[in-house]
Amino acid sequence: MLLILLEALLALLLLVGIVWWTMFSGRKGGEPPPHEPPEEK
């Protein structure tokens, strides 16, 4: 039983680590500013 709980905890930590890595390992300056359409004259 203890082995199953340890394995589940390891899987949860691995999932959290993957989500953390994908969220915070992107561009150094963050997302680029949104593109604004040119103003009509």
PDB file of N, CA and C in Angstrom:
ATOM      1  N   MET A   1       0.829  -1.198   0.000  1.00  0.00           N
ATOM      2  CA  MET A   1       0.000   0.000   0.000  1.00  0.00           C
ATOM      3  C   MET A   1       0.873   1.262   0.000  1.00  0.00           C
ATOM      4  N   LEU A   2       1.913   1.241   0.809  1.00  0.00           N
ATOM      5  CA  LEU A   2       2.807   2.400   0.876  1.00  0.00           C
ATOM      6  C   LEU A   2       3.502   2.622  -0.464  1.00  0.00           C
ATOM      7  N   LEU A   3       3.838   1.537  -1.130  1.00  0.00           N
ATOM      8  CA  LEU A   3       4.496   1.651  -2.434  1.00  0.00           C
ATOM      9  C   LEU A   3       3.568   2.308  -3.457  1.00  0.00           C
ATOM     10  N   ILE A   4       2.291   1.985  -3.414  1.00  0.00           N
ATOM     11  CA  ILE A   4       1.324   2.588  -4.335  1.00  0.00           C
ATOM     12  C   ILE A   4       1.194   4.081  -4.061  1.00  0.00           C
ATOM     13  N   LEU A   5       1.159   4.474  -2.816  1.00  0.00           N
ATOM     14  CA  LEU A   5       1.065   5.889  -2.466  1.00  0.00           C
ATOM     15  C   LEU A   5       2.317   6.652  -2.893  1.00  0.00           C
ATOM     16  N   LEU A   6       3.479   6.058  -2.703  1.00  0.00           N
ATOM     17  CA  LEU A   6       4.714   6.695  -3.151  1.00  0.00           C
ATOM     18  C   LEU A   6       4.745   6.846  -4.663  1.00  0.00           C
ATOM     19  N   GLU A   7       4.278   5.833  -5.368  1.00  0.00           N
ATOM     20  CA  GLU A   7       4.247   5.907  -6.819  1.00  0.00           C
ATOM     21  C   GLU A   7       3.266   6.980  -7.295  1.00  0.00           C
ATOM     22  N   ALA A   8       2.121   7.085  -6.631  1.00  0.00           N
ATOM     23  CA  ALA A   8       1.156   8.121  -6.982  1.00  0.00           C
ATOM     24  C   ALA A   8       1.715   9.515  -6.694  1.00  0.00           C
ATOM     25  N   LEU A   9       2.427   9.672  -5.597  1.00  0.00           N
ATOM     26  CA  LEU A   9       3.044  10.952  -5.262  1.00  0.00           C
ATOM     27  C   LEU A   9       4.112  11.311  -6.294  1.00  0.00           C
ATOM     28  N   LEU A  10       4.894  10.346  -6.703  1.00  0.00           N
ATOM     29  CA  LEU A  10       5.912  10.588  -7.721  1.00  0.00           C
ATOM     30  C   LEU A  10       5.269  10.995  -9.043  1.00  0.00           C
ATOM     31  N   ALA A  11       4.188  10.347  -9.424  1.00  0.00           N
ATOM     32  CA  ALA A  11       3.501  10.704 -10.667  1.00  0.00           C
ATOM     33  C   ALA A  11       2.928  12.111 -10.575  1.00  0.00           C
ATOM     34  N   LEU A  12       2.384  12.489  -9.427  1.00  0.00           N
ATOM     35  CA  LEU A  12       1.844  13.838  -9.243  1.00  0.00           C
ATOM     36  C   LEU A  12       2.947  14.879  -9.318  1.00  0.00           C
ATOM     37  N   LEU A  13       4.073  14.604  -8.689  1.00  0.00           N
ATOM     38  CA  LEU A  13       5.190  15.540  -8.746  1.00  0.00           C
ATOM     39  C   LEU A  13       5.729  15.672 -10.173  1.00  0.00           C
ATOM     40  N   LEU A  14       5.760  14.579 -10.899  1.00  0.00           N
ATOM     41  CA  LEU A  14       6.205  14.624 -12.280  1.00  0.00           C
ATOM     42  C   LEU A  14       5.244  15.456 -13.130  1.00  0.00           C
ATOM     43  N   LEU A  15       3.949  15.294 -12.916  1.00  0.00           N
ATOM     44  CA  LEU A  15       2.958  16.078 -13.647  1.00  0.00           C
ATOM     45  C   LEU A  15       3.095  17.562 -13.339  1.00  0.00           C
ATOM     46  N   VAL A  16       3.230  17.904 -12.066  1.00  0.00           N
ATOM     47  CA  VAL A  16       3.401  19.308 -11.678  1.00  0.00           C
ATOM     48  C   VAL A  16       4.688  19.867 -12.273  1.00  0.00           C
ATOM     49  N   GLY A  17       5.751  19.086 -12.276  1.00  0.00           N
ATOM     50  CA  GLY A  17       7.006  19.539 -12.852  1.00  0.00           C
ATOM     51  C   GLY A  17       6.897  19.805 -14.342  1.00  0.00           C
ATOM     52  N   ILE A  18       6.193  18.943 -15.065  1.00  0.00           N
ATOM     53  CA  ILE A  18       6.023  19.145 -16.505  1.00  0.00           C
ATOM     54  C   ILE A  18       5.190  20.398 -16.770  1.00  0.00           C
ATOM     55  N   VAL A  19       4.124  20.595 -16.020  1.00  0.00           N
ATOM     56  CA  VAL A  19       3.287  21.784 -16.196  1.00  0.00           C
ATOM     57  C   VAL A  19       4.080  23.038 -15.868  1.00  0.00           C
ATOM     58  N   TRP A  20       4.835  23.018 -14.795  1.00  0.00           N
ATOM     59  CA  TRP A  20       5.661  24.174 -14.403  1.00  0.00           C
ATOM     60  C   TRP A  20       6.680  24.492 -15.499  1.00  0.00           C
ATOM     61  N   TRP A  21       7.324  23.469 -16.023  1.00  0.00           N
ATOM     62  CA  TRP A  21       8.345  23.659 -17.050  1.00  0.00           C
ATOM     63  C   TRP A  21       7.735  24.283 -18.307  1.00  0.00           C
ATOM     64  N   THR A  22       6.562  23.794 -18.719  1.00  0.00           N
ATOM     65  CA  THR A  22       5.964  24.310 -19.938  1.00  0.00           C
ATOM     66  C   THR A  22       5.415  25.719 -19.743  1.00  0.00           C
ATOM     67  N   MET A  23       5.021  26.074 -18.541  1.00  0.00           N
ATOM     68  CA  MET A  23       4.481  27.413 -18.307  1.00  0.00           C
ATOM     69  C   MET A  23       5.575  28.468 -18.216  1.00  0.00           C
ATOM     70  N   PHE A  24       6.694  28.140 -17.609  1.00  0.00           N
ATOM     71  CA  PHE A  24       7.681  29.154 -17.272  1.00  0.00           C
ATOM     72  C   PHE A  24       9.006  29.030 -18.005  1.00  0.00           C
ATOM     73  N   SER A  25       9.108  28.201 -19.027  1.00  0.00           N
ATOM     74  CA  SER A  25      10.362  28.096 -19.752  1.00  0.00           C
ATOM     75  C   SER A  25      10.242  28.695 -21.152  1.00  0.00           C
ATOM     76  N   GLY A  26       9.353  29.646 -21.323  1.00  0.00           N
ATOM     77  CA  GLY A  26       9.139  30.251 -22.636  1.00  0.00           C
ATOM     78  C   GLY A  26      10.124  31.359 -22.919  1.00  0.00           C
ATOM     79  N   ARG A  27       9.636  32.403 -23.533  1.00  0.00           N
ATOM     80  CA  ARG A  27      10.493  33.536 -23.897  1.00  0.00           C
ATOM     81  C   ARG A  27      11.005  34.244 -22.650  1.00  0.00           C
ATOM     82  N   LYS A  28      12.218  34.778 -22.758  1.00  0.00           N
ATOM     83  CA  LYS A  28      12.809  35.481 -21.614  1.00  0.00           C
ATOM     84  C   LYS A  28      12.056  36.770 -21.309  1.00  0.00           C
ATOM     85  N   GLY A  29      11.584  37.474 -22.347  1.00  0.00           N
ATOM     86  CA  GLY A  29      10.877  38.733 -22.150  1.00  0.00           C
ATOM     87  C   GLY A  29       9.375  38.561 -22.027  1.00  0.00           C
ATOM     88  N   GLY A  30       8.910  37.341 -21.940  1.00  0.00           N
ATOM     89  CA  GLY A  30       7.478  37.114 -21.883  1.00  0.00           C
ATOM     90  C   GLY A  30       6.870  37.104 -23.277  1.00  0.00           C
ATOM     91  N   GLU A  31       5.576  37.197 -23.328  1.00  0.00           N
ATOM     92  CA  GLU A  31       4.884  37.204 -24.604  1.00  0.00           C
ATOM     93  C   GLU A  31       5.079  38.540 -25.309  1.00  0.00           C
ATOM     94  N   PRO A  32       5.108  38.528 -26.642  1.00  0.00           N
ATOM     95  CA  PRO A  32       5.236  39.792 -27.367  1.00  0.00           C
ATOM     96  C   PRO A  32       3.945  40.608 -27.233  1.00  0.00           C
ATOM     97  N   PRO A  33       4.042  41.921 -27.406  1.00  0.00           N
ATOM     98  CA  PRO A  33       2.836  42.738 -27.294  1.00  0.00           C
ATOM     99  C   PRO A  33       1.855  42.392 -28.416  1.00  0.00           C
ATOM    100  N   PRO A  34       0.565  42.531 -28.175  1.00  0.00           N
ATOM    101  CA  PRO A  34      -0.404  42.179 -29.218  1.00  0.00           C
ATOM    102  C   PRO A  34      -0.292  43.134 -30.415  1.00  0.00           C
ATOM    103  N   HIS A  35      -0.535  42.611 -31.573  1.00  0.00           N
ATOM    104  CA  HIS A  35      -0.446  43.400 -32.801  1.00  0.00           C
ATOM    105  C   HIS A  35      -1.676  44.291 -32.903  1.00  0.00           C
ATOM    106  N   GLU A  36      -1.467  45.574 -33.031  1.00  0.00           N
ATOM    107  CA  GLU A  36      -2.587  46.493 -33.185  1.00  0.00           C
ATOM    108  C   GLU A  36      -2.773  46.798 -34.662  1.00  0.00           C
ATOM    109  N   PRO A  37      -4.014  46.770 -35.139  1.00  0.00           N
ATOM    110  CA  PRO A  37      -4.247  47.077 -36.561  1.00  0.00           C
ATOM    111  C   PRO A  37      -3.914  48.541 -36.857  1.00  0.00           C
ATOM    112  N   PRO A  38      -3.472  48.836 -38.076  1.00  0.00           N
ATOM    113  CA  PRO A  38      -3.135  50.229 -38.407  1.00  0.00           C
ATOM    114  C   PRO A  38      -4.386  51.115 -38.371  1.00  0.00           C
ATOM    115  N   GLU A  39      -4.171  52.338 -37.959  1.00  0.00           N
ATOM    116  CA  GLU A  39      -5.296  53.273 -37.859  1.00  0.00           C
ATOM    117  C   GLU A  39      -5.673  53.767 -39.247  1.00  0.00           C
ATOM    118  N   GLU A  40      -6.990  53.854 -39.500  1.00  0.00           N
ATOM    119  CA  GLU A  40      -7.477  54.370 -40.779  1.00  0.00           C
ATOM    120  C   GLU A  40      -7.600  55.881 -40.696  1.00  0.00           C
ATOM    121  N   LYS A  41      -7.231  56.554 -41.802  1.00  0.00           N
ATOM    122  CA  LYS A  41      -7.298  58.019 -41.807  1.00  0.00           C
ATOM    123  C   LYS A  41      -8.448  58.508 -42.640  1.00  0.00           C
TER     124      LYS A  41
END
